[in-house]
Protein backbone atom coordinates (compact mmCIF):
# COMPACT_ATOMS: atom_id res chain seq x y z
CA MET A 1 -13.99 -36.89 -24.64
CA THR A 2 -15.96 -33.98 -23.23
CA HIS A 3 -19.30 -33.38 -24.90
CA ILE A 4 -19.66 -30.02 -26.58
CA SER A 5 -22.95 -28.32 -25.79
CA GLU A 6 -25.31 -27.14 -28.50
CA GLN A 7 -24.60 -23.55 -27.45
CA GLU A 8 -20.82 -23.98 -27.88
CA TRP A 9 -21.32 -25.76 -31.19
CA SER A 10 -23.60 -23.04 -32.52
CA HIS A 11 -21.14 -20.37 -31.26
CA ALA A 12 -18.37 -22.05 -33.24
CA GLY A 13 -20.66 -21.94 -36.25
CA THR A 14 -20.89 -18.17 -35.92
CA LEU A 15 -17.10 -17.87 -35.65
CA PHE A 16 -16.37 -20.25 -38.51
CA PRO A 17 -19.63 -20.62 -40.44
CA LYS A 18 -18.19 -22.41 -43.47
CA GLN A 19 -15.86 -24.67 -41.54
CA PHE A 20 -18.44 -25.87 -39.00
CA GLN A 21 -21.56 -26.27 -41.13
CA ASN A 22 -23.04 -29.73 -40.56
CA ILE A 23 -19.73 -31.41 -39.74
CA PRO A 24 -20.09 -33.22 -36.39
CA SER A 25 -19.36 -36.52 -38.08
CA ARG A 26 -16.90 -35.29 -40.72
CA GLN A 27 -13.29 -36.33 -40.26
CA ILE A 28 -10.59 -33.79 -40.84
CA SER A 29 -6.83 -34.08 -41.26
CA GLY A 30 -5.07 -36.40 -38.85
CA GLY A 31 -8.19 -38.47 -38.27
CA ASN A 32 -9.59 -36.00 -35.74
CA SER A 33 -13.28 -35.26 -35.81
CA ALA A 34 -14.46 -31.70 -36.19
CA GLU A 35 -15.96 -31.96 -32.70
CA SER A 36 -12.57 -32.97 -31.29
CA CYS A 37 -10.88 -30.02 -33.01
CA LEU A 38 -13.55 -27.65 -31.74
CA GLU A 39 -13.16 -29.04 -28.22
CA ASN A 40 -9.41 -28.41 -28.37
CA TYR A 41 -9.99 -24.88 -29.64
CA LEU A 42 -12.49 -24.12 -26.87
CA ASN A 43 -10.12 -25.52 -24.22
CA VAL A 44 -7.27 -23.31 -25.45
CA GLU A 45 -9.57 -20.27 -25.53
CA ALA A 46 -10.81 -21.01 -21.99
CA GLN A 47 -7.23 -21.33 -20.73
CA ARG A 48 -6.23 -18.06 -22.42
CA SER A 49 -9.25 -16.34 -20.86
CA ARG A 50 -8.33 -17.60 -17.37
CA TYR A 51 -4.74 -16.46 -17.88
CA GLN A 52 -5.86 -12.99 -18.93
CA SER A 53 -8.26 -12.73 -15.99
CA LYS A 54 -5.47 -13.64 -13.56
CA CYS A 55 -3.12 -11.11 -15.17
CA PHE A 56 -5.83 -8.48 -14.95
CA VAL A 57 -6.39 -9.11 -11.23
CA LEU A 58 -2.65 -9.17 -10.54
CA VAL A 59 -1.90 -5.93 -12.40
CA VAL A 60 -4.94 -4.06 -11.08
CA GLU A 61 -4.12 -5.00 -7.49
CA LEU A 62 -0.43 -4.16 -7.97
CA VAL A 63 -1.15 -0.76 -9.53
CA SER A 64 -3.91 -0.07 -7.00
CA SER A 65 -1.47 -0.60 -4.16
CA PHE A 66 1.37 1.27 -5.82
CA PHE A 67 -0.70 4.34 -6.79
CA GLU A 68 -2.89 4.16 -3.66
CA VAL A 69 -6.23 4.06 -5.50
CA SER A 70 -9.02 1.55 -5.02
CA VAL A 71 -9.37 -1.53 -7.18
CA GLU A 72 -13.02 -0.60 -7.74
CA SER A 73 -12.08 2.79 -9.17
CA LEU A 74 -9.59 1.19 -11.59
CA GLN A 75 -12.27 -1.20 -12.80
CA GLY A 76 -14.95 1.51 -12.94
CA ARG A 77 -16.75 2.48 -16.11
CA THR A 78 -16.28 6.23 -15.62
CA ARG A 79 -13.04 8.05 -16.29
CA GLY A 80 -12.65 9.28 -12.74
CA VAL A 81 -10.25 11.92 -11.53
CA ALA A 82 -6.80 12.30 -13.08
CA PRO A 83 -4.86 10.05 -10.63
CA ILE A 84 -7.35 7.21 -11.14
CA CYS A 85 -7.36 7.66 -14.90
CA GLN A 86 -3.56 7.63 -15.01
CA ALA A 87 -3.37 4.53 -12.80
CA ARG A 88 -5.89 2.75 -15.06
CA GLN A 89 -3.81 3.71 -18.11
CA VAL A 90 -0.73 2.27 -16.38
CA CYS A 91 -2.65 -0.99 -15.84
CA MET A 92 -3.50 -1.15 -19.54
CA TYR A 93 0.09 -0.33 -20.49
CA LEU A 94 1.57 -3.02 -18.21
CA LEU A 95 -0.88 -5.67 -19.41
CA HIS A 96 0.15 -4.93 -22.99
CA THR A 97 3.88 -4.32 -22.68
CA SER A 98 4.85 -6.63 -19.82
CA LEU A 99 2.35 -9.45 -20.27
CA SER A 100 1.84 -9.32 -24.06
CA ILE A 101 -1.94 -9.12 -23.95
CA SER A 102 -3.47 -7.55 -27.07
CA TYR A 103 -5.43 -4.29 -27.13
CA PRO A 104 -8.77 -5.99 -27.91
CA GLU A 105 -8.26 -8.51 -25.10
CA ILE A 106 -7.37 -5.76 -22.61
CA GLY A 107 -10.38 -3.82 -23.85
CA GLN A 108 -12.63 -6.76 -22.95
CA LEU A 109 -11.12 -6.91 -19.46
CA PHE A 110 -11.71 -3.21 -18.85
CA ARG A 111 -14.97 -3.08 -20.88
CA ARG A 112 -13.50 -0.51 -23.22
CA ASP A 113 -12.70 -0.26 -26.90
CA ARG A 114 -9.29 -1.35 -28.21
CA THR A 115 -8.62 2.21 -29.38
CA THR A 116 -8.94 3.38 -25.77
CA ILE A 117 -6.27 0.85 -24.79
CA SER A 118 -4.03 2.00 -27.63
CA HIS A 119 -4.45 5.61 -26.53
CA ALA A 120 -3.68 4.69 -22.90
CA CYS A 121 -0.46 2.95 -23.95
CA MET A 122 0.64 5.95 -26.02
CA VAL A 123 -0.14 8.33 -23.14
CA VAL A 124 1.87 6.26 -20.67
CA GLU A 125 4.76 5.94 -23.12
CA ASP A 126 4.79 9.75 -23.48
CA LEU A 127 4.61 10.16 -19.70
CA ARG A 128 7.79 8.11 -19.32
CA ASP A 129 9.65 11.37 -20.00
CA ASP A 130 8.83 12.21 -16.36
CA CYS A 131 11.71 10.67 -14.39
CA ASP A 132 9.59 9.84 -11.33
CA LEU A 133 6.89 8.10 -13.33
CA ASP A 134 9.47 6.28 -15.42
CA ARG A 135 11.18 5.05 -12.24
CA ASN A 136 7.83 3.83 -10.87
CA LEU A 137 6.95 2.08 -14.12
CA THR A 138 10.35 0.41 -14.16
CA LYS A 139 9.71 -0.86 -10.61
CA LEU A 140 6.29 -2.23 -11.60
CA GLU A 141 7.74 -3.88 -14.71
CA SER A 142 10.47 -5.41 -12.58
CA ILE A 143 7.91 -6.81 -10.13
CA LEU A 144 5.91 -8.35 -12.98
CA GLU A 145 9.07 -9.80 -14.53
CA THR A 146 10.07 -11.30 -11.18
CA ILE A 147 6.66 -12.92 -10.84
CA ARG A 148 6.93 -14.30 -14.38
CA SER A 149 10.40 -15.72 -13.76
CA LEU A 150 9.40 -17.26 -10.42
CA HIS A 151 6.68 -19.16 -12.24
CA GLY A 152 8.84 -20.31 -15.12
CA GLY A 153 7.51 -17.91 -17.72
CA HIS A 154 9.58 -16.28 -20.41
CA GLY A 155 6.85 -14.97 -22.68
CA GLY A 156 3.40 -15.84 -23.85
CA HIS A 157 1.49 -16.81 -20.74
CA GLY A 158 4.44 -16.16 -18.44
CA GLY A 159 3.88 -19.22 -16.31
CA LEU A 160 1.01 -17.57 -14.48
CA GLU A 161 -1.20 -20.56 -15.19
CA ASN A 162 0.29 -22.34 -12.20
CA SER A 163 0.97 -19.30 -10.04
CA ALA A 164 -0.14 -18.59 -6.54
CA LEU A 165 -3.25 -17.09 -8.10
CA GLY A 166 -4.50 -20.63 -8.66
CA GLU A 167 -3.91 -23.38 -11.17
CA VAL A 168 -5.54 -23.40 -14.55
CA GLN A 169 -6.65 -26.89 -15.42
C-alpha cells in the first residue's frame, strides 16, 4: 500500500471534514481502512486529472493548427483578438461536448471561471448557424471521435489514458 502524505491526508480532511476526522485506524464498510479508501480516491482523482490534461493538450494543439493561431495565445490569460478568442471558445466547446469534461474542470485547465466556459459553449453553439464554421466544427468533432475510437473509448475518458499521448499509470 502506498503511504498517504500528511499533506494529502489533511487535504482530504478539508474536502470531507466529518468523514476524515481522526480515522486513520477506523475500519469502514468492506473491511477497508479509511486510509485505503482515501488512497483509492486520490488515485482516481490523479488519473482523471492526467486524462483532462491530455485532452486539453490534444484539443488546444488541434484547434491551434486548424485555426492557425499559436498554442500560447489559446492558453493566454488575456482575451486576445477576435480570431484567438473564437478559437479558444471552440477549444472549450470541444472539451465539453466531445470529451464530456465539465465546465468547472475546463475552467481549471484554462484558468477561467466555469461561467466563462458556459458562455463560450453557448457562443459557439450560436455560431454553428454559420455554415463554414459548422462544417469546421464537424470536422474537428470527427477527428476527436476518430481518436477516441482508435483508442477504444466510447465515452467517459475515451480511451485516451493509453493513447499516443502517453500512458496513465
